[in-house]
């Protein structure tokens, strides 16, 4: 078991494009469906695996391009340290004072280390100024507990 780190930051408006953040339905629209529905299904089926937007379900980071992996660690504690470093790097930009609280950030890192050591994933999101959004995730791989059929991006 190992862990991959992912970071995305960008315009909140782009983050809100939920259709590109969820996988397409396993079955395409039935024959005879409205052309715009078929076209939208094709777009999502093509774009979801390659778009850099954070997926709604954390484990789906594993199907994204390997270039989006920001780090890989064998130990949960090492992955949690990376998460803590990213939190510290961006904390001054968090719009909410509660999110900037040092004790809260330390608690998030401690909790992440515990969860990752059990094989679970960790995902956090924060509003930044402008309005922008920060998404941080550490995903357990080989296998992923919530989606064991997903392959490792570095395999």
N, C-alpha and C. Protein backbone atom coordinates (compact mmCIF):
# COMPACT_ATOMS: atom_id res chain seq x y z
N UNK A 1 0.86 -1.18 0.00
CA UNK A 1 0.00 0.00 0.00
C UNK A 1 0.90 1.23 0.00
N UNK A 2 0.49 2.23 -0.79
CA UNK A 2 1.18 3.52 -0.81
C UNK A 2 0.15 4.61 -1.04
N UNK A 3 0.60 5.86 -1.07
CA UNK A 3 -0.31 7.00 -1.11
C UNK A 3 0.17 8.01 -2.15
N UNK A 4 -0.79 8.61 -2.87
CA UNK A 4 -0.49 9.65 -3.86
C UNK A 4 -1.14 10.95 -3.41
N UNK A 5 -0.41 12.05 -3.57
CA UNK A 5 -0.93 13.36 -3.23
C UNK A 5 -1.37 14.12 -4.47
N UNK A 6 -2.47 14.86 -4.33
CA UNK A 6 -3.01 15.67 -5.42
C UNK A 6 -3.36 17.05 -4.89
N UNK A 7 -3.11 18.05 -5.71
CA UNK A 7 -3.43 19.44 -5.34
C UNK A 7 -4.02 20.12 -6.56
N UNK A 8 -5.11 20.81 -6.36
CA UNK A 8 -5.70 21.61 -7.43
C UNK A 8 -6.09 22.93 -6.82
N UNK A 9 -5.78 24.00 -7.51
CA UNK A 9 -6.27 25.31 -7.12
C UNK A 9 -6.67 26.05 -8.38
N UNK A 10 -7.75 26.76 -8.29
CA UNK A 10 -8.24 27.49 -9.46
C UNK A 10 -9.49 28.26 -9.13
N UNK A 11 -10.06 28.83 -10.16
CA UNK A 11 -11.26 29.64 -10.01
C UNK A 11 -12.41 28.78 -9.48
N UNK A 12 -13.12 29.31 -8.51
CA UNK A 12 -14.28 28.61 -7.94
C UNK A 12 -15.29 28.29 -9.03
N UNK A 13 -15.44 29.18 -9.98
CA UNK A 13 -16.37 28.97 -11.11
C UNK A 13 -16.02 27.69 -11.88
N UNK A 14 -14.74 27.44 -12.08
CA UNK A 14 -14.32 26.22 -12.78
C UNK A 14 -14.54 24.99 -11.89
N UNK A 15 -14.23 25.11 -10.61
CA UNK A 15 -14.43 24.01 -9.66
C UNK A 15 -15.89 23.58 -9.64
N UNK A 16 -16.78 24.52 -9.85
CA UNK A 16 -18.22 24.25 -9.80
C UNK A 16 -18.76 23.52 -11.04
N UNK A 17 -17.91 23.19 -11.99
CA UNK A 17 -18.34 22.45 -13.18
C UNK A 17 -18.46 20.96 -12.81
N UNK A 18 -19.51 20.65 -12.06
CA UNK A 18 -19.66 19.31 -11.49
C UNK A 18 -19.78 18.20 -12.52
N UNK A 19 -20.31 18.48 -13.68
CA UNK A 19 -20.44 17.42 -14.68
C UNK A 19 -19.09 16.85 -15.06
N UNK A 20 -18.04 17.68 -15.01
CA UNK A 20 -16.70 17.21 -15.35
C UNK A 20 -15.98 16.62 -14.14
N UNK A 21 -16.62 16.66 -12.97
CA UNK A 21 -16.01 16.14 -11.75
C UNK A 21 -16.60 14.79 -11.35
N UNK A 22 -17.57 14.32 -12.10
CA UNK A 22 -18.18 13.01 -11.79
C UNK A 22 -18.03 12.10 -13.01
N UNK A 23 -17.82 10.80 -12.78
CA UNK A 23 -17.68 9.89 -13.91
C UNK A 23 -18.99 9.77 -14.66
N UNK A 24 -18.90 9.47 -15.95
CA UNK A 24 -20.15 9.27 -16.69
C UNK A 24 -20.87 8.04 -16.18
N UNK A 25 -22.15 8.03 -16.37
CA UNK A 25 -22.95 6.87 -16.00
C UNK A 25 -22.40 5.66 -16.76
N UNK A 26 -22.39 4.48 -16.15
CA UNK A 26 -21.83 3.30 -16.83
C UNK A 26 -22.53 2.95 -18.15
N UNK A 27 -23.81 3.27 -18.24
CA UNK A 27 -24.54 2.97 -19.48
C UNK A 27 -24.82 4.28 -20.22
N UNK A 28 -24.51 4.32 -21.51
CA UNK A 28 -24.80 5.53 -22.27
C UNK A 28 -26.31 5.73 -22.41
N UNK A 29 -26.72 6.94 -22.80
CA UNK A 29 -28.15 7.17 -23.01
C UNK A 29 -28.71 6.18 -24.04
N UNK A 30 -29.93 5.77 -23.86
CA UNK A 30 -30.51 4.80 -24.80
C UNK A 30 -30.66 5.39 -26.21
N UNK A 31 -30.67 4.52 -27.18
CA UNK A 31 -30.88 4.92 -28.57
C UNK A 31 -32.18 5.71 -28.65
N UNK A 32 -32.15 6.79 -29.38
CA UNK A 32 -33.34 7.62 -29.51
C UNK A 32 -33.39 8.76 -28.51
N UNK A 33 -32.39 8.86 -27.64
CA UNK A 33 -32.35 9.97 -26.68
C UNK A 33 -32.11 11.28 -27.42
N UNK A 34 -32.41 12.36 -26.73
CA UNK A 34 -32.19 13.68 -27.33
C UNK A 34 -30.72 13.83 -27.73
N UNK A 35 -30.45 14.41 -28.90
CA UNK A 35 -29.07 14.55 -29.37
C UNK A 35 -28.16 15.30 -28.39
N UNK A 36 -28.71 16.32 -27.72
CA UNK A 36 -27.88 17.07 -26.77
C UNK A 36 -27.49 16.22 -25.56
N UNK A 37 -28.35 15.28 -25.16
CA UNK A 37 -28.03 14.37 -24.06
C UNK A 37 -26.92 13.40 -24.47
N UNK A 38 -27.01 12.88 -25.67
CA UNK A 38 -25.97 11.97 -26.19
C UNK A 38 -24.64 12.71 -26.31
N UNK A 39 -24.69 13.93 -26.84
CA UNK A 39 -23.47 14.72 -27.00
C UNK A 39 -22.85 15.03 -25.64
N UNK A 40 -23.65 15.40 -24.67
CA UNK A 40 -23.12 15.71 -23.33
C UNK A 40 -22.51 14.47 -22.69
N UNK A 41 -23.15 13.33 -22.86
CA UNK A 41 -22.59 12.07 -22.34
C UNK A 41 -21.22 11.81 -22.96
N UNK A 42 -21.11 11.98 -24.27
CA UNK A 42 -19.83 11.75 -24.95
C UNK A 42 -18.75 12.70 -24.43
N UNK A 43 -19.11 13.96 -24.23
CA UNK A 43 -18.15 14.95 -23.72
C UNK A 43 -17.64 14.55 -22.35
N UNK A 44 -18.54 14.20 -21.45
CA UNK A 44 -18.16 13.83 -20.08
C UNK A 44 -17.33 12.55 -20.10
N UNK A 45 -17.74 11.56 -20.91
CA UNK A 45 -17.00 10.30 -20.98
C UNK A 45 -15.58 10.52 -21.49
N UNK A 46 -15.39 11.47 -22.37
CA UNK A 46 -14.07 11.77 -22.92
C UNK A 46 -13.25 12.62 -21.96
N UNK A 47 -13.87 13.62 -21.36
CA UNK A 47 -13.13 14.60 -20.56
C UNK A 47 -12.87 14.17 -19.12
N UNK A 48 -13.77 13.44 -18.50
CA UNK A 48 -13.62 13.11 -17.08
C UNK A 48 -12.26 12.49 -16.75
N UNK A 49 -11.79 11.49 -17.50
CA UNK A 49 -10.52 10.87 -17.13
C UNK A 49 -9.30 11.78 -17.31
N UNK A 50 -9.43 12.85 -18.09
CA UNK A 50 -8.25 13.66 -18.39
C UNK A 50 -8.27 15.06 -17.79
N UNK A 51 -9.44 15.56 -17.44
CA UNK A 51 -9.53 16.92 -16.92
C UNK A 51 -8.86 16.98 -15.54
N UNK A 52 -8.23 18.10 -15.23
CA UNK A 52 -7.49 18.22 -13.97
C UNK A 52 -8.36 18.57 -12.77
N UNK A 53 -9.65 18.76 -12.97
CA UNK A 53 -10.54 19.10 -11.86
C UNK A 53 -10.63 17.96 -10.85
N UNK A 54 -10.72 18.30 -9.55
CA UNK A 54 -10.85 17.24 -8.54
C UNK A 54 -12.15 16.47 -8.72
N UNK A 55 -12.07 15.15 -8.72
CA UNK A 55 -13.31 14.36 -8.85
C UNK A 55 -14.14 14.46 -7.56
N UNK A 56 -15.44 14.30 -7.70
CA UNK A 56 -16.32 14.33 -6.53
C UNK A 56 -16.02 13.18 -5.58
N UNK A 57 -15.63 12.04 -6.10
CA UNK A 57 -15.24 10.90 -5.27
C UNK A 57 -13.72 10.80 -5.31
N UNK A 58 -13.09 10.97 -4.16
CA UNK A 58 -11.64 11.10 -4.06
C UNK A 58 -10.88 10.00 -4.79
N UNK A 59 -11.31 8.77 -4.70
CA UNK A 59 -10.59 7.65 -5.31
C UNK A 59 -10.41 7.81 -6.82
N UNK A 60 -11.30 8.55 -7.47
CA UNK A 60 -11.21 8.72 -8.93
C UNK A 60 -9.99 9.54 -9.36
N UNK A 61 -9.28 10.14 -8.40
CA UNK A 61 -7.99 10.76 -8.77
C UNK A 61 -7.10 9.71 -9.43
N UNK A 62 -7.25 8.45 -9.04
CA UNK A 62 -6.37 7.39 -9.54
C UNK A 62 -6.48 7.18 -11.04
N UNK A 63 -7.57 7.57 -11.67
CA UNK A 63 -7.69 7.38 -13.12
C UNK A 63 -7.23 8.62 -13.89
N UNK A 64 -6.90 9.67 -13.19
CA UNK A 64 -6.44 10.90 -13.84
C UNK A 64 -5.00 10.72 -14.35
N UNK A 65 -4.53 11.61 -15.21
CA UNK A 65 -3.16 11.47 -15.73
C UNK A 65 -2.12 11.46 -14.60
N UNK A 66 -1.11 10.64 -14.76
CA UNK A 66 -0.07 10.53 -13.74
C UNK A 66 0.65 11.86 -13.51
N UNK A 67 0.60 12.76 -14.46
CA UNK A 67 1.24 14.07 -14.30
C UNK A 67 0.59 14.89 -13.18
N UNK A 68 -0.61 14.52 -12.74
CA UNK A 68 -1.29 15.24 -11.67
C UNK A 68 -0.86 14.76 -10.28
N UNK A 69 -0.12 13.66 -10.19
CA UNK A 69 0.38 13.17 -8.91
C UNK A 69 1.47 14.11 -8.43
N UNK A 70 1.29 14.69 -7.24
CA UNK A 70 2.25 15.65 -6.68
C UNK A 70 3.28 15.00 -5.77
N UNK A 71 3.06 13.76 -5.40
CA UNK A 71 3.99 13.03 -4.56
C UNK A 71 3.46 11.65 -4.28
N UNK A 72 4.37 10.73 -3.97
CA UNK A 72 4.02 9.36 -3.65
C UNK A 72 4.82 8.93 -2.42
N UNK A 73 4.14 8.29 -1.47
CA UNK A 73 4.77 7.89 -0.21
C UNK A 73 4.33 6.49 0.16
N UNK A 74 5.26 5.74 0.73
CA UNK A 74 4.95 4.41 1.24
C UNK A 74 4.32 4.48 2.63
N UNK A 75 4.67 5.50 3.39
CA UNK A 75 4.19 5.64 4.76
C UNK A 75 3.11 6.71 4.87
N UNK A 76 2.06 6.40 5.61
CA UNK A 76 0.95 7.34 5.81
C UNK A 76 1.45 8.64 6.45
N UNK A 77 2.36 8.52 7.39
CA UNK A 77 2.86 9.69 8.10
C UNK A 77 3.57 10.66 7.13
N UNK A 78 4.32 10.12 6.18
CA UNK A 78 5.00 10.96 5.18
C UNK A 78 3.98 11.70 4.31
N UNK A 79 2.92 11.01 3.93
CA UNK A 79 1.87 11.64 3.12
C UNK A 79 1.17 12.73 3.92
N UNK A 80 0.94 12.48 5.21
CA UNK A 80 0.31 13.49 6.07
C UNK A 80 1.22 14.71 6.24
N UNK A 81 2.52 14.50 6.30
CA UNK A 81 3.46 15.63 6.38
C UNK A 81 3.33 16.50 5.13
N UNK A 82 3.26 15.87 3.95
CA UNK A 82 3.06 16.63 2.71
C UNK A 82 1.77 17.44 2.78
N UNK A 83 0.71 16.82 3.26
CA UNK A 83 -0.56 17.52 3.40
C UNK A 83 -0.40 18.72 4.33
N UNK A 84 0.26 18.53 5.45
CA UNK A 84 0.49 19.62 6.39
C UNK A 84 1.31 20.75 5.79
N UNK A 85 2.30 20.42 4.98
CA UNK A 85 3.11 21.45 4.32
C UNK A 85 2.26 22.25 3.34
N UNK A 86 1.38 21.60 2.62
CA UNK A 86 0.51 22.32 1.68
C UNK A 86 -0.49 23.20 2.44
N UNK A 87 -1.03 22.69 3.54
CA UNK A 87 -1.94 23.50 4.36
C UNK A 87 -1.22 24.75 4.86
N UNK A 88 -0.01 24.59 5.34
CA UNK A 88 0.76 25.74 5.83
C UNK A 88 1.06 26.73 4.69
N UNK A 89 1.34 26.20 3.52
CA UNK A 89 1.65 27.04 2.36
C UNK A 89 0.47 27.91 1.94
N UNK A 90 -0.73 27.38 2.03
CA UNK A 90 -1.92 28.10 1.55
C UNK A 90 -2.73 28.76 2.66
N UNK A 91 -2.48 28.46 3.91
CA UNK A 91 -3.33 28.92 5.02
C UNK A 91 -3.55 30.43 5.02
N UNK A 92 -2.53 31.21 4.68
CA UNK A 92 -2.69 32.67 4.70
C UNK A 92 -3.70 33.16 3.67
N UNK A 93 -4.05 32.31 2.70
CA UNK A 93 -5.03 32.69 1.67
C UNK A 93 -6.44 32.19 1.97
N UNK A 94 -6.62 31.36 3.01
CA UNK A 94 -7.95 30.86 3.33
C UNK A 94 -8.86 32.03 3.69
N UNK A 95 -10.08 32.03 3.16
CA UNK A 95 -10.99 33.14 3.43
C UNK A 95 -11.57 33.10 4.83
N UNK A 96 -11.62 31.93 5.43
CA UNK A 96 -12.22 31.77 6.74
C UNK A 96 -11.14 31.68 7.81
N UNK A 97 -11.22 32.53 8.83
CA UNK A 97 -10.23 32.54 9.92
C UNK A 97 -10.19 31.19 10.63
N UNK A 98 -11.32 30.55 10.78
CA UNK A 98 -11.38 29.23 11.43
C UNK A 98 -10.46 28.24 10.73
N UNK A 99 -10.45 28.28 9.38
CA UNK A 99 -9.62 27.36 8.61
C UNK A 99 -8.13 27.66 8.77
N UNK A 100 -7.79 28.89 9.10
CA UNK A 100 -6.37 29.27 9.28
C UNK A 100 -5.82 28.92 10.66
N UNK A 101 -6.66 28.55 11.59
CA UNK A 101 -6.24 28.26 12.96
C UNK A 101 -5.20 27.14 12.98
N UNK A 102 -4.04 27.43 13.59
CA UNK A 102 -2.93 26.47 13.60
C UNK A 102 -3.30 25.15 14.29
N UNK A 103 -4.04 25.23 15.39
CA UNK A 103 -4.43 24.00 16.10
C UNK A 103 -5.36 23.15 15.22
N UNK A 104 -6.26 23.80 14.50
CA UNK A 104 -7.15 23.06 13.61
C UNK A 104 -6.36 22.39 12.49
N UNK A 105 -5.39 23.10 11.91
CA UNK A 105 -4.59 22.53 10.83
C UNK A 105 -3.77 21.33 11.34
N UNK A 106 -3.22 21.45 12.53
CA UNK A 106 -2.48 20.33 13.13
C UNK A 106 -3.40 19.14 13.32
N UNK A 107 -4.61 19.39 13.75
CA UNK A 107 -5.59 18.33 13.95
C UNK A 107 -5.92 17.64 12.62
N UNK A 108 -6.05 18.42 11.54
CA UNK A 108 -6.33 17.83 10.23
C UNK A 108 -5.21 16.89 9.80
N UNK A 109 -3.97 17.30 10.04
CA UNK A 109 -2.82 16.48 9.66
C UNK A 109 -2.77 15.21 10.50
N UNK A 110 -2.98 15.33 11.79
CA UNK A 110 -2.98 14.15 12.67
C UNK A 110 -4.07 13.16 12.26
N UNK A 111 -5.24 13.69 11.99
CA UNK A 111 -6.36 12.84 11.57
C UNK A 111 -6.06 12.18 10.22
N UNK A 112 -5.43 12.94 9.31
CA UNK A 112 -5.07 12.39 8.00
C UNK A 112 -4.11 11.21 8.16
N UNK A 113 -3.14 11.36 9.03
CA UNK A 113 -2.17 10.28 9.24
C UNK A 113 -2.87 9.02 9.74
N UNK A 114 -3.80 9.19 10.65
CA UNK A 114 -4.55 8.04 11.18
C UNK A 114 -5.39 7.37 10.08
N UNK A 115 -6.13 8.18 9.32
CA UNK A 115 -6.99 7.63 8.27
C UNK A 115 -6.17 6.92 7.20
N UNK A 116 -5.08 7.56 6.76
CA UNK A 116 -4.26 6.97 5.71
C UNK A 116 -3.64 5.65 6.16
N UNK A 117 -3.29 5.55 7.43
CA UNK A 117 -2.69 4.31 7.93
C UNK A 117 -3.68 3.15 7.91
N UNK A 118 -4.98 3.44 7.85
CA UNK A 118 -5.99 2.39 7.76
C UNK A 118 -6.36 2.06 6.32
N UNK A 119 -5.77 2.79 5.36
CA UNK A 119 -6.07 2.56 3.95
C UNK A 119 -7.15 3.47 3.40
N UNK A 120 -7.63 4.41 4.20
CA UNK A 120 -8.66 5.35 3.74
C UNK A 120 -8.00 6.52 2.99
N UNK A 121 -8.80 7.26 2.25
CA UNK A 121 -8.35 8.46 1.54
C UNK A 121 -8.64 9.68 2.40
N UNK A 122 -7.97 10.77 2.07
CA UNK A 122 -8.19 12.04 2.76
C UNK A 122 -8.36 13.12 1.70
N UNK A 123 -9.35 13.97 1.89
CA UNK A 123 -9.60 15.06 0.95
C UNK A 123 -10.08 16.28 1.71
N UNK A 124 -9.51 17.44 1.39
CA UNK A 124 -9.92 18.71 2.01
C UNK A 124 -10.05 19.77 0.95
N UNK A 125 -10.95 20.70 1.20
CA UNK A 125 -11.13 21.82 0.28
C UNK A 125 -11.30 23.11 1.06
N UNK A 126 -10.77 24.20 0.50
CA UNK A 126 -10.81 25.49 1.17
C UNK A 126 -11.07 26.59 0.15
N UNK A 127 -11.91 27.54 0.56
CA UNK A 127 -12.11 28.72 -0.26
C UNK A 127 -10.93 29.66 -0.05
N UNK A 128 -10.42 30.17 -1.15
CA UNK A 128 -9.34 31.15 -1.13
C UNK A 128 -9.89 32.48 -1.62
N UNK A 129 -9.12 33.53 -1.50
CA UNK A 129 -9.57 34.83 -1.99
C UNK A 129 -9.73 34.81 -3.51
N UNK A 130 -10.43 35.71 -4.07
CA UNK A 130 -10.64 36.07 -5.48
C UNK A 130 -11.96 35.73 -6.11
N UNK A 131 -12.81 34.93 -6.05
CA UNK A 131 -12.87 33.70 -5.26
C UNK A 131 -12.16 32.55 -5.99
N UNK A 132 -11.42 31.82 -5.25
CA UNK A 132 -10.71 30.65 -5.76
C UNK A 132 -10.95 29.49 -4.79
N UNK A 133 -10.47 28.34 -5.18
CA UNK A 133 -10.68 27.15 -4.37
C UNK A 133 -9.41 26.31 -4.38
N UNK A 134 -9.11 25.68 -3.24
CA UNK A 134 -7.99 24.77 -3.09
C UNK A 134 -8.54 23.40 -2.74
N UNK A 135 -8.12 22.40 -3.49
CA UNK A 135 -8.48 21.02 -3.20
C UNK A 135 -7.19 20.24 -2.96
N UNK A 136 -7.12 19.57 -1.82
CA UNK A 136 -5.98 18.71 -1.47
C UNK A 136 -6.51 17.31 -1.22
N UNK A 137 -5.81 16.32 -1.76
CA UNK A 137 -6.23 14.94 -1.53
C UNK A 137 -5.00 14.04 -1.44
N UNK A 138 -5.10 13.05 -0.58
CA UNK A 138 -4.13 11.96 -0.53
C UNK A 138 -4.94 10.69 -0.70
N UNK A 139 -4.58 9.93 -1.73
CA UNK A 139 -5.35 8.75 -2.11
C UNK A 139 -4.50 7.50 -1.89
N UNK A 140 -5.06 6.53 -1.21
CA UNK A 140 -4.38 5.27 -0.97
C UNK A 140 -4.49 4.40 -2.22
N UNK A 141 -3.40 3.73 -2.53
CA UNK A 141 -3.33 2.97 -3.77
C UNK A 141 -2.80 1.57 -3.51
N UNK A 142 -3.20 0.66 -4.35
CA UNK A 142 -2.73 -0.73 -4.39
C UNK A 142 -3.16 -1.56 -3.19
N UNK A 143 -4.38 -1.79 -2.98
CA UNK A 143 -5.54 -1.23 -3.66
C UNK A 143 -6.13 -0.05 -2.89
N UNK A 144 -7.04 0.64 -3.55
CA UNK A 144 -7.80 1.69 -2.88
C UNK A 144 -8.96 1.01 -2.17
N UNK A 145 -9.18 1.37 -0.92
CA UNK A 145 -10.19 0.69 -0.10
C UNK A 145 -11.60 0.91 -0.63
N UNK A 146 -11.92 2.11 -1.08
CA UNK A 146 -13.30 2.37 -1.53
C UNK A 146 -13.55 1.92 -2.96
N UNK A 147 -12.49 1.85 -3.78
CA UNK A 147 -12.63 1.42 -5.17
C UNK A 147 -11.44 0.53 -5.54
N UNK A 148 -11.42 -0.71 -5.06
CA UNK A 148 -10.26 -1.57 -5.25
C UNK A 148 -9.97 -1.95 -6.71
N UNK A 149 -10.91 -1.73 -7.62
CA UNK A 149 -10.66 -2.09 -9.01
C UNK A 149 -9.89 -1.02 -9.77
N UNK A 150 -9.73 0.16 -9.17
CA UNK A 150 -8.98 1.22 -9.86
C UNK A 150 -7.49 0.92 -9.82
N UNK A 151 -6.84 1.12 -10.95
CA UNK A 151 -5.40 0.85 -11.05
C UNK A 151 -4.58 2.01 -10.51
N UNK A 152 -3.37 1.70 -10.11
CA UNK A 152 -2.44 2.73 -9.65
C UNK A 152 -1.96 3.55 -10.86
N UNK A 153 -1.94 4.88 -10.76
CA UNK A 153 -1.52 5.70 -11.90
C UNK A 153 -0.04 5.53 -12.25
N UNK A 154 0.74 5.01 -11.33
CA UNK A 154 2.17 4.85 -11.59
C UNK A 154 2.55 3.43 -11.95
N UNK A 155 1.53 2.58 -12.05
CA UNK A 155 1.78 1.16 -12.34
C UNK A 155 2.00 0.85 -13.77
